[in-house]
Amino acid sequence: MTGAIPHTPPHTPVMLREVLDALEPRAGAIIVDGTFGAGGYSRAFLDAADCTVWGIDRDPDAVARGKALAKEYDGRLRVLHGRFGDMADLLAAEGVDQVDGIALDLGVSSTQIDTGARGFSFRLDGPLDMRMDPEAGESAADLVNSGDEKELAHIIYTFGEERHARRIARAIVAARAEGPIVGTGALAGIVRAAIPGPAAAQKIDPATRTFQALRIHVNDELGELDRGLAGAEKLLGAGGRLAVVAFHSLEDRRVKQFLRERAGAAGRGSRHLPEDTSAPAPTFSLIARNAIAASAAESAANSRARSAKLRVAERTAAPAWPAGTGAN
């Protein structure tokens, strides 16, 4: 645990209405909230119908909040400590092998980003941590102070899509030669100074992409997403729904590719090529062919919603594809 759990007021997650409409909670249904966070989706599902919700989160603070919230729902909410990529195994250990709906709200939670001590924010000074589970794996400080320049540049460019990745990596290595980089404020200052041009002229804070990249790498977020999508394919029963909210193109491309492939809609690359009849039967049907965006009203009220994309698919009766099949 990272300390005392502060009181958290009811949280309204991004695109809540759209996710509720997608999953259609009903009495007796079993729904997985794979990224429990502050519990906003779980609370909404439980209030919408007499269903059961299994929340999953790797953050011990989120699990503690979930256990407190569970007292309000008379056994209908259970929150497990773990990664959503392991959802099939986590639920199997609880005697659950099939569910009716799964929601994934990707990336860092608002509670994590707003807590300076967790080290996710470049606006709030704190220890340079960024681990969603602060008791597991290397921290961002470990990476920044031990990774070589080439590795850091690759991470910042690949996961942050930052065109100044080499300049930033070079600046980090030069700065740490004077002493370890241990705080978010110090790292943010190094990154801002490395990017050419006045910071005020930038559309976003110059440190945004670098912090995103380090966080994604430290938490293996894209690998976790791949495992989570495969886990959802295994757990959902026929007619069950998957709803995934992504906040940047790296995540959304992966979700789009997985669902289109599993729905048999990925295409052959050329109309002149013969249709591939060796692929397994489609395991999903697309509810909406394109991603769903947040409403104009929500985007105006919540800046985080402006980049959100929701993709929804329904499980068919076909068996899950064997591991290693397909692009993911």
Protein backbone atom coordinates (compact mmCIF):
# COMPACT_ATOMS: atom_id res chain seq x y z
CA MET A 1 0.00 0.00 0.00
CA THR A 2 1.13 3.54 -0.59
CA GLY A 3 -0.27 4.95 2.63
CA ALA A 4 -3.67 6.00 3.99
CA ILE A 5 -6.47 5.93 1.45
CA PRO A 6 -7.98 9.41 1.14
CA HIS A 7 -11.72 9.80 0.87
CA THR A 8 -12.63 9.74 -2.81
CA PRO A 9 -15.90 11.37 -3.87
CA PRO A 10 -18.03 9.60 -6.49
CA HIS A 11 -16.10 9.74 -9.76
CA THR A 12 -17.63 10.12 -13.21
CA PRO A 13 -15.37 8.40 -15.73
CA VAL A 14 -15.04 9.45 -19.35
CA MET A 15 -17.88 8.37 -21.68
CA LEU A 16 -19.87 6.76 -18.88
CA ARG A 17 -23.22 6.99 -20.68
CA GLU A 18 -21.78 5.48 -23.86
CA VAL A 19 -20.18 2.59 -21.95
CA LEU A 20 -23.43 1.91 -20.10
CA ASP A 21 -25.33 1.89 -23.40
CA ALA A 22 -22.74 -0.47 -24.87
CA LEU A 23 -22.79 -3.05 -22.07
CA GLU A 24 -26.50 -2.79 -21.23
CA PRO A 25 -26.30 -4.04 -17.59
CA ARG A 26 -29.21 -6.31 -16.69
CA ALA A 27 -30.35 -8.28 -13.65
CA GLY A 28 -28.23 -11.37 -13.09
CA ALA A 29 -25.44 -10.30 -15.44
CA ILE A 30 -21.77 -10.60 -14.52
CA ILE A 31 -19.64 -7.63 -15.58
CA VAL A 32 -15.89 -7.13 -15.29
CA ASP A 33 -14.54 -3.64 -14.66
CA GLY A 34 -10.97 -4.45 -15.63
CA THR A 35 -9.56 -1.04 -14.73
CA PHE A 36 -11.41 -0.32 -11.48
CA GLY A 37 -9.61 2.92 -10.56
CA ALA A 38 -11.94 5.13 -8.57
CA GLY A 39 -14.87 2.79 -9.21
CA GLY A 40 -16.94 5.06 -11.44
CA TYR A 41 -17.91 2.44 -14.00
CA SER A 42 -18.54 -0.22 -11.35
CA ARG A 43 -20.85 2.04 -9.37
CA ALA A 44 -22.80 2.92 -12.52
CA PHE A 45 -23.22 -0.74 -13.53
CA LEU A 46 -24.40 -1.69 -10.06
CA ASP A 47 -26.86 1.21 -9.90
CA ALA A 48 -28.23 0.45 -13.37
CA ALA A 49 -29.23 -3.18 -12.68
CA ASP A 50 -29.19 -5.96 -10.10
CA CYS A 51 -25.96 -7.33 -11.58
CA THR A 52 -22.64 -8.53 -10.15
CA VAL A 53 -19.41 -6.66 -10.86
CA TRP A 54 -15.87 -7.94 -10.56
CA GLY A 55 -13.38 -5.08 -10.39
CA ILE A 56 -9.69 -5.62 -11.15
CA ASP A 57 -6.84 -3.23 -10.46
CA ARG A 58 -3.10 -3.62 -9.95
CA ASP A 59 -3.05 -0.50 -7.72
CA PRO A 60 -3.42 -1.51 -4.04
CA ASP A 61 -4.98 1.89 -3.24
CA ALA A 62 -7.72 1.29 -5.84
CA VAL A 63 -8.40 -2.17 -4.38
CA ALA A 64 -8.74 -0.67 -0.91
CA ARG A 65 -11.22 1.90 -2.22
CA GLY A 66 -13.10 -0.90 -3.96
CA LYS A 67 -13.43 -2.95 -0.80
CA ALA A 68 -14.88 0.09 0.96
CA LEU A 69 -17.32 0.67 -1.90
CA ALA A 70 -18.31 -3.01 -1.92
CA LYS A 71 -19.94 -2.56 1.50
CA GLU A 72 -22.61 -0.42 -0.17
CA TYR A 73 -23.65 -3.18 -2.59
CA ASP A 74 -24.36 -6.23 -0.43
CA GLY A 75 -22.03 -8.70 -2.07
CA ARG A 76 -22.60 -7.60 -5.68
CA LEU A 77 -19.14 -5.99 -5.99
CA ARG A 78 -15.86 -7.86 -5.59
CA VAL A 79 -12.51 -6.18 -6.26
CA LEU A 80 -9.39 -8.22 -7.02
CA HIS A 81 -5.76 -7.11 -6.87
CA GLY A 82 -4.10 -7.95 -10.16
CA ARG A 83 -3.64 -7.04 -13.80
CA PHE A 84 -6.56 -7.02 -16.19
CA GLY A 85 -4.38 -8.94 -18.62
CA ASP A 86 -4.74 -11.86 -16.18
CA MET A 87 -8.52 -11.50 -15.90
CA ALA A 88 -9.32 -15.02 -17.11
CA ASP A 89 -7.05 -16.59 -14.49
CA LEU A 90 -8.12 -14.20 -11.73
CA LEU A 91 -11.80 -14.94 -12.33
CA ALA A 92 -11.20 -18.68 -12.74
CA ALA A 93 -9.65 -18.72 -9.27
CA GLU A 94 -12.94 -17.31 -8.00
CA GLY A 95 -15.00 -19.92 -9.82
CA VAL A 96 -16.10 -17.64 -12.69
CA ASP A 97 -15.41 -18.85 -16.23
CA GLN A 98 -17.87 -16.76 -18.24
CA VAL A 99 -19.11 -13.17 -18.04
CA ASP A 100 -21.61 -10.93 -19.84
CA GLY A 101 -19.67 -7.70 -20.17
CA ILE A 102 -16.16 -6.27 -19.83
CA ALA A 103 -15.16 -2.60 -19.60
CA LEU A 104 -11.59 -1.32 -19.97
CA ASP A 105 -10.67 2.33 -19.40
CA LEU A 106 -7.05 2.42 -20.50
CA GLY A 107 -4.10 4.42 -19.21
CA VAL A 108 -3.52 6.19 -15.92
CA SER A 109 -6.49 6.93 -13.66
CA SER A 110 -7.44 10.44 -12.60
CA THR A 111 -6.77 9.46 -8.98
CA GLN A 112 -3.23 8.39 -9.82
CA ILE A 113 -2.43 11.46 -11.91
CA ASP A 114 -3.84 13.82 -9.27
CA THR A 115 -1.72 12.31 -6.48
CA GLY A 116 1.74 13.87 -6.67
CA ALA A 117 3.27 11.17 -4.47
CA ARG A 118 2.56 8.55 -7.14
CA GLY A 119 4.95 10.26 -9.57
CA PHE A 120 2.77 10.28 -12.69
CA SER A 121 2.30 14.03 -13.05
CA PHE A 122 4.73 16.57 -14.48
CA ARG A 123 2.59 19.31 -12.91
CA LEU A 124 2.81 17.99 -9.33
CA ASP A 125 6.28 17.46 -7.88
CA GLY A 126 6.81 14.08 -6.29
CA PRO A 127 9.03 10.99 -6.35
CA LEU A 128 9.67 9.74 -9.88
CA ASP A 129 7.79 6.45 -9.60
CA MET A 130 4.94 5.97 -12.14
CA ARG A 131 4.26 2.33 -11.19
CA MET A 132 0.57 1.46 -11.13
CA ASP A 133 1.49 -1.16 -8.57
CA PRO A 134 4.08 0.65 -6.43
CA GLU A 135 5.28 -2.67 -5.01
CA ALA A 136 6.19 -4.30 -8.32
CA GLY A 137 8.86 -3.78 -10.96
CA GLU A 138 11.23 -0.95 -11.73
CA SER A 139 10.21 2.66 -11.21
CA ALA A 140 10.58 5.50 -13.68
CA ALA A 141 13.52 6.71 -11.57
CA ASP A 142 15.24 3.34 -12.03
CA LEU A 143 14.75 3.60 -15.79
CA VAL A 144 15.79 7.23 -16.13
CA ASN A 145 18.93 6.78 -14.05
CA SER A 146 20.11 3.44 -15.46
CA GLY A 147 18.90 3.26 -19.08
CA ASP A 148 21.47 4.13 -21.71
CA GLU A 149 20.88 7.05 -24.07
CA LYS A 150 19.85 4.88 -27.02
CA GLU A 151 17.33 2.91 -24.95
CA LEU A 152 15.79 6.06 -23.48
CA ALA A 153 15.50 7.67 -26.90
CA HIS A 154 13.81 4.54 -28.28
CA ILE A 155 11.29 4.43 -25.41
CA ILE A 156 10.46 8.14 -25.65
CA TYR A 157 10.07 8.01 -29.43
CA THR A 158 8.14 4.72 -29.59
CA PHE A 159 5.73 5.19 -26.69
CA GLY A 160 5.55 8.99 -26.65
CA GLU A 161 5.76 9.62 -30.40
CA GLU A 162 8.13 12.43 -29.43
CA ARG A 163 10.18 13.75 -32.37
CA HIS A 164 12.76 15.28 -30.04
CA ALA A 165 13.41 11.93 -28.32
CA ARG A 166 17.15 11.92 -28.99
CA ARG A 167 17.64 15.44 -27.63
CA ILE A 168 15.65 14.56 -24.51
CA ALA A 169 17.55 11.32 -23.89
CA ARG A 170 20.86 13.15 -24.31
CA ALA A 171 19.73 15.81 -21.81
CA ILE A 172 18.64 13.17 -19.28
CA VAL A 173 21.99 11.37 -19.44
CA ALA A 174 23.87 14.67 -19.08
CA ALA A 175 21.75 15.75 -16.11
CA ARG A 176 22.07 12.50 -14.20
CA ALA A 177 25.87 12.75 -14.44
CA GLU A 178 25.51 15.53 -11.86
CA GLY A 179 23.41 13.31 -9.57
CA PRO A 180 20.39 10.99 -9.71
CA ILE A 181 17.10 12.34 -11.08
CA VAL A 182 14.62 11.49 -8.34
CA GLY A 183 11.65 13.86 -8.73
CA THR A 184 9.00 14.51 -11.35
CA GLY A 185 9.66 18.24 -11.21
CA ALA A 186 13.35 17.76 -11.96
CA LEU A 187 12.67 15.46 -14.91
CA ALA A 188 9.99 17.76 -16.32
CA GLY A 189 12.43 20.67 -16.17
CA ILE A 190 15.11 18.69 -18.00
CA VAL A 191 12.67 17.72 -20.76
CA ARG A 192 11.29 21.23 -21.19
CA ALA A 193 14.78 22.67 -21.48
CA ALA A 194 15.75 20.08 -24.09
CA ILE A 195 12.94 20.88 -26.51
CA PRO A 196 13.68 23.83 -28.81
CA GLY A 197 11.45 26.89 -28.83
CA PRO A 198 9.56 28.62 -26.01
CA ALA A 199 7.39 26.33 -23.88
CA ALA A 200 4.56 28.85 -24.05
CA ALA A 201 4.34 28.26 -27.80
CA GLN A 202 3.68 24.54 -27.36
CA LYS A 203 0.08 23.27 -27.63
CA ILE A 204 0.74 20.84 -24.78
CA ASP A 205 3.33 20.86 -22.00
CA PRO A 206 6.66 19.79 -23.56
CA ALA A 207 7.02 17.08 -20.90
CA THR A 208 3.72 15.39 -21.79
CA ARG A 209 4.95 12.86 -24.33
CA THR A 210 8.07 11.88 -22.39
CA PHE A 211 6.08 11.23 -19.21
CA GLN A 212 3.54 9.21 -21.21
CA ALA A 213 6.30 7.12 -22.76
CA LEU A 214 8.03 6.35 -19.48
CA ARG A 215 4.73 5.43 -17.83
CA ILE A 216 3.72 3.09 -20.68
CA HIS A 217 7.11 1.36 -20.58
CA VAL A 218 7.32 1.05 -16.80
CA ASN A 219 3.86 -0.53 -16.62
CA ASP A 220 4.09 -2.52 -19.89
CA GLU A 221 0.73 -1.00 -20.81
CA LEU A 222 0.63 -2.14 -24.44
CA GLY A 223 1.59 -5.70 -23.54
CA GLU A 224 -1.06 -5.60 -20.83
CA LEU A 225 -3.62 -4.42 -23.37
CA ASP A 226 -2.79 -7.30 -25.73
CA ARG A 227 -3.17 -9.81 -22.89
CA GLY A 228 -6.38 -8.14 -21.73
CA LEU A 229 -8.02 -8.31 -25.15
CA ALA A 230 -7.15 -12.00 -25.42
CA GLY A 231 -8.46 -12.54 -21.88
CA ALA A 232 -11.74 -10.83 -22.75
CA GLU A 233 -12.12 -13.10 -25.76
CA LYS A 234 -11.79 -16.13 -23.44
CA LEU A 235 -14.12 -14.87 -20.72
CA LEU A 236 -17.04 -13.39 -22.62
CA GLY A 237 -19.97 -15.66 -23.35
CA ALA A 238 -21.88 -15.52 -26.63
CA GLY A 239 -23.70 -12.19 -26.83
CA GLY A 240 -21.41 -10.64 -24.21
CA ARG A 241 -20.07 -7.15 -24.89
CA LEU A 242 -16.58 -5.64 -24.71
CA ALA A 243 -16.21 -1.86 -24.35
CA VAL A 244 -12.73 -0.29 -24.48
CA VAL A 245 -11.98 3.41 -23.96
CA ALA A 246 -8.56 4.49 -25.24
CA PHE A 247 -6.92 7.89 -24.91
CA HIS A 248 -4.09 7.85 -27.43
CA SER A 249 -3.39 6.40 -30.84
CA LEU A 250 -1.01 3.66 -29.66
CA GLU A 251 -3.77 2.06 -27.59
CA ASP A 252 -6.60 2.68 -30.01
CA ARG A 253 -4.72 1.21 -32.99
CA ARG A 254 -4.15 -2.00 -31.03
CA VAL A 255 -7.80 -2.29 -30.01
CA LYS A 256 -8.98 -1.50 -33.54
CA GLN A 257 -6.65 -4.07 -35.09
CA PHE A 258 -7.60 -6.80 -32.62
CA LEU A 259 -11.36 -6.32 -32.97
CA ARG A 260 -11.34 -5.95 -36.75
CA GLU A 261 -9.21 -9.06 -37.07
CA ARG A 262 -11.35 -11.08 -34.68
CA ALA A 263 -14.46 -9.88 -36.52
CA GLY A 264 -13.05 -11.00 -39.87
CA ALA A 265 -12.98 -7.40 -41.08
CA ALA A 266 -9.22 -6.81 -41.26
CA GLY A 267 -9.14 -7.20 -45.04
CA ARG A 268 -6.81 -9.08 -47.35
CA GLY A 269 -4.55 -6.14 -48.22
CA SER A 270 -5.50 -6.40 -51.92
CA ARG A 271 -8.77 -7.34 -53.62
CA HIS A 272 -6.70 -9.41 -56.06
CA LEU A 273 -5.52 -11.77 -53.31
CA PRO A 274 -7.61 -14.86 -52.52
CA GLU A 275 -9.62 -14.85 -49.31
CA ASP A 276 -7.83 -16.50 -46.40
CA THR A 277 -10.02 -19.44 -45.41
CA SER A 278 -7.53 -20.76 -42.84
CA ALA A 279 -8.30 -18.11 -40.21
CA PRO A 280 -10.43 -19.24 -37.25
CA ALA A 281 -14.10 -18.28 -37.16
CA PRO A 282 -14.81 -14.68 -36.05
CA THR A 283 -15.10 -14.35 -32.28
CA PHE A 284 -16.49 -10.80 -32.27
CA SER A 285 -18.94 -8.75 -34.28
CA LEU A 286 -18.42 -4.99 -34.38
CA ILE A 287 -21.24 -3.00 -32.80
CA ALA A 288 -19.88 0.19 -34.34
CA ARG A 289 -17.49 -0.02 -37.27
CA ASN A 290 -15.71 3.17 -36.22
CA ALA A 291 -14.66 4.45 -32.82
CA ILE A 292 -17.21 6.42 -30.82
CA ALA A 293 -16.08 9.87 -29.62
CA ALA A 294 -17.19 11.70 -26.51
CA SER A 295 -20.01 14.20 -26.94
CA ALA A 296 -19.23 17.85 -27.56
CA ALA A 297 -20.68 18.70 -24.16
CA GLU A 298 -18.49 16.20 -22.32
CA SER A 299 -15.38 17.25 -24.25
CA ALA A 300 -16.04 20.87 -23.35
CA ALA A 301 -16.48 20.00 -19.67
CA ASN A 302 -13.59 17.50 -19.40
CA SER A 303 -10.40 17.99 -21.40
CA ARG A 304 -9.49 14.30 -20.94
CA ALA A 305 -12.57 13.30 -22.91
CA ARG A 306 -11.40 15.13 -26.04
CA SER A 307 -8.97 12.37 -26.99
CA ALA A 308 -11.14 9.45 -25.83
CA LYS A 309 -12.25 6.78 -28.31
CA LEU A 310 -14.65 3.98 -27.43
CA ARG A 311 -14.75 0.71 -29.38
CA VAL A 312 -17.48 -1.85 -28.77
CA ALA A 313 -17.85 -5.43 -29.96
CA GLU A 314 -20.11 -8.39 -29.19
CA ARG A 315 -18.84 -11.92 -28.62
CA THR A 316 -19.94 -14.62 -31.03
CA ALA A 317 -20.31 -18.29 -30.12
CA ALA A 318 -17.03 -19.24 -31.86
CA PRO A 319 -14.19 -20.54 -29.67
CA ALA A 320 -11.38 -18.15 -28.74
CA TRP A 321 -8.51 -18.10 -31.19
CA PRO A 322 -5.49 -20.17 -30.14
CA ALA A 323 -2.64 -18.24 -28.52
CA GLY A 324 -0.28 -16.81 -31.12
CA THR A 325 -2.95 -16.60 -33.82
CA GLY A 326 -3.39 -13.24 -35.50
CA ALA A 327 -1.46 -9.98 -35.26
CA ASN A 328 -1.87 -9.56 -31.49
